[in-house]
């Protein structure tokens, strides 16, 4: 027990060479992931091509994420939440962020939407508040979105698909939240901070940061997913359309005005020759009745 506690509280301090290997390895993974997502977005037939509307939605929500993340969240909500015991650990402050992110997913529903929104947020943060490492810090933004988009690709168009159940939305939301929080928290403690900022963490800190960010971001995204769908449908009503089944004709429906009633299934029908014969027979019988002097109705007479 004492050995486990000693290991858990020991600081993970790799050599600069190994830190560089892990850091640039993350860049390689991110680039490969971006290639897969771009191929799915541009070449795969499972998704429609990105439209101008999609780009505008991603840009607008990226701005909203930045406004909440670094202005409302850090300056207003953060100071209110900090005195609450455990509020920072359970990531309550991330709930509005995850809701906005899920609204973007529900509106766009295409590979690359999560990475694009998070990266717009990250770039705006760098422009407004500065960054000590420039493009080297981009791994922080990329690792918050790229794994979520790879999940969307793996789901093959089933994320917020037409007719999706609430359970499906909640499950997808949970996975997107976990993949947004857990890998980024682990990689920040394992390689980003040690390599860029010379900041080191214990094994216990690393474990707590990873599972708490993953679990609570997942719960927040799962809770937000059905509500995000409702918001998306209210903004773009066509997103809520289901597949329309072909209607079958009702044999008992009343004919429309001006439309001849079709013969019923049980009534016998006559072909052209039989109908002509019947008409001729009727005319012949009327003529015979007029010429017959013994008939009860003489020609031109009254009954």
Protein backbone atom coordinates (compact mmCIF):
# COMPACT_ATOMS: atom_id res chain seq x y z
CA UNK A 1 0.00 0.00 0.00
CA UNK A 2 2.82 2.35 0.88
CA UNK A 3 4.58 1.56 -2.39
CA UNK A 4 1.45 2.31 -4.42
CA UNK A 5 0.99 5.65 -2.65
CA UNK A 6 4.64 6.48 -3.22
CA UNK A 7 4.36 5.74 -6.94
CA UNK A 8 1.08 7.65 -7.27
CA UNK A 9 2.62 10.75 -5.71
CA UNK A 10 5.88 10.58 -7.61
CA UNK A 11 6.44 13.20 -10.32
CA UNK A 12 6.63 12.07 -13.93
CA UNK A 13 9.76 13.76 -15.26
CA UNK A 14 10.96 12.48 -18.62
CA UNK A 15 14.11 13.60 -20.36
CA UNK A 16 13.84 16.46 -22.89
CA UNK A 17 14.49 14.00 -25.70
CA UNK A 18 11.60 11.72 -24.73
CA UNK A 19 9.33 14.73 -24.20
CA UNK A 20 10.15 15.85 -27.74
CA UNK A 21 9.44 12.38 -29.12
CA UNK A 22 6.02 12.26 -27.49
CA UNK A 23 5.17 15.84 -28.40
CA UNK A 24 5.99 15.48 -32.10
CA UNK A 25 4.38 12.06 -32.07
CA UNK A 26 1.13 13.76 -31.05
CA UNK A 27 1.56 16.13 -34.01
CA UNK A 28 1.96 13.12 -36.33
CA UNK A 29 -1.18 11.47 -34.93
CA UNK A 30 -3.12 14.72 -35.27
CA UNK A 31 -2.05 15.15 -38.91
CA UNK A 32 -3.01 11.57 -39.78
CA UNK A 33 -6.34 12.07 -38.03
CA UNK A 34 -6.94 15.29 -39.95
CA UNK A 35 -6.23 13.45 -43.19
CA UNK A 36 -8.83 10.78 -42.38
CA UNK A 37 -11.41 13.41 -41.40
CA UNK A 38 -10.76 15.48 -44.53
CA UNK A 39 -11.08 12.42 -46.74
CA UNK A 40 -14.40 11.52 -45.10
CA UNK A 41 -15.70 15.09 -45.43
CA UNK A 42 -14.62 15.60 -49.05
CA UNK A 43 -14.61 12.17 -50.68
CA UNK A 44 -16.91 9.83 -48.77
CA UNK A 45 -20.43 9.40 -50.14
CA UNK A 46 -21.87 8.93 -46.65
CA UNK A 47 -21.94 12.68 -46.05
CA UNK A 48 -22.97 15.59 -48.22
CA UNK A 49 -20.29 18.13 -49.05
CA UNK A 50 -19.78 21.07 -46.73
CA UNK A 51 -21.90 24.07 -47.65
CA UNK A 52 -21.54 27.80 -47.04
CA UNK A 53 -24.20 27.44 -44.35
CA UNK A 54 -22.09 24.80 -42.55
CA UNK A 55 -19.03 27.05 -42.62
CA UNK A 56 -21.00 29.99 -41.24
CA UNK A 57 -22.48 27.84 -38.47
CA UNK A 58 -19.06 26.54 -37.46
CA UNK A 59 -17.58 30.05 -37.46
CA UNK A 60 -20.45 31.50 -35.41
CA UNK A 61 -20.35 28.73 -32.83
CA UNK A 62 -16.56 28.95 -32.64
CA UNK A 63 -16.94 32.61 -31.70
CA UNK A 64 -19.62 31.75 -29.12
CA UNK A 65 -17.33 29.10 -27.63
CA UNK A 66 -14.57 31.67 -27.31
CA UNK A 67 -16.90 34.26 -25.73
CA UNK A 68 -18.03 31.71 -23.14
CA UNK A 69 -14.71 29.96 -22.59
CA UNK A 70 -12.43 32.92 -21.96
CA UNK A 71 -14.81 35.77 -21.10
CA UNK A 72 -18.06 34.59 -19.49
CA UNK A 73 -16.67 31.34 -18.12
CA UNK A 74 -13.34 32.58 -16.78
CA UNK A 75 -14.44 36.06 -15.69
CA UNK A 76 -18.00 35.51 -14.42
CA UNK A 77 -18.93 31.88 -13.85
CA UNK A 78 -15.49 30.70 -12.72
CA UNK A 79 -15.24 33.00 -9.68
CA UNK A 80 -18.76 31.99 -8.65
CA UNK A 81 -18.01 28.26 -8.91
CA UNK A 82 -14.59 28.22 -7.28
CA UNK A 83 -15.86 28.52 -3.67
CA UNK A 84 -18.11 25.46 -4.18
CA UNK A 85 -16.28 22.32 -3.00
CA UNK A 86 -15.61 19.93 -5.90
CA UNK A 87 -17.06 22.25 -8.56
CA UNK A 88 -13.78 22.45 -10.44
CA UNK A 89 -13.22 18.70 -10.20
CA UNK A 90 -16.60 17.79 -11.73
CA UNK A 91 -16.15 20.35 -14.54
CA UNK A 92 -19.47 22.16 -13.95
CA UNK A 93 -18.07 25.18 -15.73
CA UNK A 94 -17.81 23.16 -18.97
CA UNK A 95 -21.56 22.45 -19.19
CA UNK A 96 -22.48 25.50 -21.36
CA UNK A 97 -19.38 24.85 -23.48
CA UNK A 98 -20.40 21.26 -24.17
CA UNK A 99 -23.96 22.34 -24.93
CA UNK A 100 -22.76 24.82 -27.59
CA UNK A 101 -20.44 22.16 -29.01
CA UNK A 102 -23.29 19.64 -29.30
CA UNK A 103 -25.52 22.25 -30.96
CA UNK A 104 -22.82 22.62 -33.61
CA UNK A 105 -22.65 18.85 -34.11
CA UNK A 106 -26.45 18.63 -34.39
CA UNK A 107 -26.53 21.43 -36.97
CA UNK A 108 -23.63 20.33 -39.21
CA UNK A 109 -23.44 16.53 -38.66
CA UNK A 110 -20.34 16.15 -40.80
CA UNK A 111 -16.75 15.06 -40.10
CA UNK A 112 -14.54 17.98 -39.12
CA UNK A 113 -17.22 20.06 -37.41
CA UNK A 114 -15.89 19.56 -33.86
CA UNK A 115 -12.26 20.24 -34.76
CA UNK A 116 -13.28 23.32 -36.75
CA UNK A 117 -15.32 24.81 -33.90
CA UNK A 118 -12.71 24.11 -31.24
CA UNK A 119 -9.89 25.37 -33.46
CA UNK A 120 -11.72 28.64 -34.23
CA UNK A 121 -12.15 29.06 -30.49
CA UNK A 122 -8.45 28.33 -29.92
CA UNK A 123 -7.23 30.71 -32.64
CA UNK A 124 -9.41 33.54 -31.32
CA UNK A 125 -8.03 32.92 -27.84
CA UNK A 126 -4.48 33.22 -29.17
CA UNK A 127 -5.30 36.42 -31.08
CA UNK A 128 -7.08 38.08 -28.17
CA UNK A 129 -5.03 36.93 -25.21
CA UNK A 130 -1.73 35.92 -26.77
CA UNK A 131 0.21 32.68 -26.72
CA UNK A 132 3.67 31.96 -25.54
CA UNK A 133 4.45 29.36 -28.20
CA UNK A 134 2.41 30.30 -31.26
CA UNK A 135 1.63 27.38 -33.54
CA UNK A 136 3.26 24.92 -31.14
CA UNK A 137 0.25 25.35 -28.88
CA UNK A 138 -2.12 24.22 -31.63
CA UNK A 139 -1.85 20.63 -30.41
CA UNK A 140 -3.98 21.68 -27.44
CA UNK A 141 -6.83 22.73 -29.72
CA UNK A 142 -6.42 19.86 -32.17
CA UNK A 143 -6.52 17.14 -29.52
CA UNK A 144 -9.82 18.51 -28.17
CA UNK A 145 -11.55 17.97 -31.50
CA UNK A 146 -9.80 15.46 -33.72
CA UNK A 147 -10.75 12.36 -31.70
CA UNK A 148 -14.39 13.47 -31.65
CA UNK A 149 -14.39 13.79 -35.44
CA UNK A 150 -12.75 10.38 -35.82
CA UNK A 151 -15.64 9.00 -33.75
CA UNK A 152 -18.12 10.71 -36.11
CA UNK A 153 -16.34 9.09 -39.06
CA UNK A 154 -16.41 5.69 -37.34
CA UNK A 155 -20.17 6.03 -36.79
CA UNK A 156 -20.63 6.29 -40.59
CA UNK A 157 -23.25 9.01 -40.60
CA UNK A 158 -25.26 7.68 -37.64
CA UNK A 159 -24.58 10.70 -35.37
CA UNK A 160 -27.85 12.67 -35.30
CA UNK A 161 -29.07 10.67 -38.29
CA UNK A 162 -32.75 11.10 -39.30
CA UNK A 163 -34.93 9.12 -36.93
CA UNK A 164 -32.23 8.76 -34.24
CA UNK A 165 -33.56 7.76 -30.82
CA UNK A 166 -32.88 9.74 -27.66
CA UNK A 167 -30.70 6.87 -26.42
CA UNK A 168 -28.56 7.10 -29.57
CA UNK A 169 -28.16 10.86 -29.13
CA UNK A 170 -27.20 10.49 -25.47
CA UNK A 171 -24.67 7.76 -26.28
CA UNK A 172 -23.07 9.77 -29.07
CA UNK A 173 -22.99 12.85 -26.84
CA UNK A 174 -21.29 10.91 -24.06
CA UNK A 175 -18.61 9.56 -26.41
CA UNK A 176 -17.96 12.97 -27.95
CA UNK A 177 -17.61 14.50 -24.48
CA UNK A 178 -15.24 11.78 -23.30
CA UNK A 179 -13.10 12.08 -26.43
CA UNK A 180 -13.00 15.85 -26.10
CA UNK A 181 -11.88 15.84 -22.45
CA UNK A 182 -9.85 12.74 -21.64
CA UNK A 183 -7.17 12.61 -24.38
CA UNK A 184 -6.48 16.34 -24.15
CA UNK A 185 -6.16 16.25 -20.35
CA UNK A 186 -3.80 13.27 -20.47
CA UNK A 187 -1.62 14.67 -23.26
CA UNK A 188 -1.43 18.08 -21.56
CA UNK A 189 -0.06 16.52 -18.37
CA UNK A 190 2.08 13.93 -20.13
CA UNK A 191 3.77 15.91 -22.89
CA UNK A 192 2.43 19.42 -23.69
CA UNK A 193 3.19 21.10 -20.36
CA UNK A 194 6.45 19.22 -19.73
CA UNK A 195 7.78 19.95 -23.23
CA UNK A 196 6.56 23.54 -23.68
CA UNK A 197 6.31 24.90 -20.14
CA UNK A 198 8.60 22.66 -18.06
CA UNK A 199 5.63 21.87 -15.81
CA UNK A 200 5.44 18.34 -14.40
CA UNK A 201 2.69 16.32 -12.73
CA UNK A 202 2.44 13.27 -10.49
CA UNK A 203 0.92 10.03 -11.67
CA UNK A 204 -2.09 10.65 -9.40
CA UNK A 205 -2.66 14.16 -10.77
CA UNK A 206 -2.42 12.82 -14.31
CA UNK A 207 -4.92 10.05 -13.61
CA UNK A 208 -7.39 12.36 -11.85
CA UNK A 209 -7.21 14.96 -14.62
CA UNK A 210 -7.77 12.33 -17.30
CA UNK A 211 -10.75 10.45 -15.87
CA UNK A 212 -12.49 13.49 -14.38
CA UNK A 213 -12.31 15.50 -17.60
CA UNK A 214 -13.41 12.54 -19.68
CA UNK A 215 -16.25 11.37 -17.44
CA UNK A 216 -17.81 14.73 -16.58
CA UNK A 217 -17.41 16.19 -20.07
CA UNK A 218 -19.09 13.02 -21.32
CA UNK A 219 -22.00 13.39 -18.89
CA UNK A 220 -22.44 17.05 -19.78
CA UNK A 221 -22.44 16.31 -23.52
CA UNK A 222 -24.85 13.39 -23.03
CA UNK A 223 -27.29 15.58 -21.10
CA UNK A 224 -26.95 18.33 -23.71
CA UNK A 225 -27.39 16.11 -26.78
CA UNK A 226 -31.23 15.85 -26.93
CA UNK A 227 -31.69 19.54 -26.10
CA UNK A 228 -29.07 20.45 -28.71
CA UNK A 229 -31.08 18.47 -31.27
CA UNK A 230 -34.21 20.48 -30.44
CA UNK A 231 -32.30 23.74 -30.84
CA UNK A 232 -30.87 22.57 -34.18
CA UNK A 233 -34.31 21.61 -35.50
CA UNK A 234 -35.75 24.96 -34.41
CA UNK A 235 -32.99 26.75 -36.33
CA UNK A 236 -33.10 24.49 -39.41
CA UNK A 237 -36.48 22.68 -39.44
CA UNK A 238 -35.46 20.37 -42.30
CA UNK A 239 -32.99 18.64 -39.96
CA UNK A 240 -35.93 17.10 -38.11
CA UNK A 241 -37.51 15.58 -41.21
CA UNK A 242 -37.80 11.82 -41.21
CA UNK A 243 -37.83 9.55 -44.23
CA UNK A 244 -41.31 9.78 -45.77
CA UNK A 245 -42.93 6.45 -46.60
CA UNK A 246 -44.88 6.12 -49.86
CA UNK A 247 -48.60 6.36 -49.12
CA UNK A 248 -50.82 3.53 -50.38
CA UNK A 249 -54.11 4.29 -52.13
CA UNK A 250 -57.25 3.92 -49.99
CA UNK A 251 -59.83 1.83 -51.92
CA UNK A 252 -62.63 3.27 -49.77
CA UNK A 253 -61.73 6.94 -50.23
CA UNK A 254 -64.39 9.25 -51.68
CA UNK A 255 -63.62 10.53 -55.22
CA UNK A 256 -62.56 14.15 -55.49
CA UNK A 257 -64.85 16.77 -57.02
CA UNK A 258 -64.98 16.48 -60.80
CA UNK A 259 -63.38 13.03 -60.71
CA UNK A 260 -65.41 10.05 -61.94
CA UNK A 261 -65.95 7.33 -59.44
CA UNK A 262 -64.04 4.19 -60.27
CA UNK A 263 -66.06 0.98 -60.60
CA UNK A 264 -66.14 -1.04 -57.48
CA UNK A 265 -64.20 -4.25 -57.29
CA UNK A 266 -67.36 -6.41 -57.15
CA UNK A 267 -69.27 -4.75 -60.03
CA UNK A 268 -69.00 -6.55 -63.43
CA UNK A 269 -67.53 -4.56 -66.27
CA UNK A 270 -68.33 -4.92 -69.96
CA UNK A 271 -65.86 -4.70 -72.76
CA UNK A 272 -66.52 -2.48 -75.80
CA UNK A 273 -68.22 -5.14 -77.96
CA UNK A 274 -70.55 -6.32 -75.20
CA UNK A 275 -71.50 -2.74 -74.33
CA UNK A 276 -72.28 -1.96 -77.98
CA UNK A 277 -74.43 -5.09 -78.23
CA UNK A 278 -76.35 -4.17 -75.11
CA UNK A 279 -76.97 -0.64 -76.43
CA UNK A 280 -78.12 -2.00 -79.81
CA UNK A 281 -80.48 -4.48 -78.14
CA UNK A 282 -82.07 -1.75 -76.06
CA UNK A 283 -82.64 0.51 -79.09
CA UNK A 284 -84.12 -2.37 -81.09
CA UNK A 285 -86.63 -3.25 -78.41
CA UNK A 286 -87.81 0.37 -78.22
CA UNK A 287 -88.35 0.50 -82.03
CA UNK A 288 -90.33 -2.76 -81.99
CA UNK A 289 -92.59 -1.41 -79.27
CA UNK A 290 -93.36 1.70 -81.37
CA UNK A 291 -94.25 -0.27 -84.55
CA UNK A 292 -96.35 -2.95 -82.86
CA UNK A 293 -100.05 -1.96 -83.23
CA UNK A 294 -101.03 -4.38 -80.49
CA UNK A 295 -98.78 -2.67 -78.04
CA UNK A 296 -100.44 -0.91 -75.16
CA UNK A 297 -98.73 2.37 -76.13
CA UNK A 298 -99.53 3.34 -79.78
CA UNK A 299 -97.17 5.57 -81.66
CA UNK A 300 -97.55 9.12 -80.50
CA UNK A 301 -100.36 8.12 -78.12
CA UNK A 302 -100.66 8.58 -74.44
CA UNK A 303 -100.97 5.87 -71.88
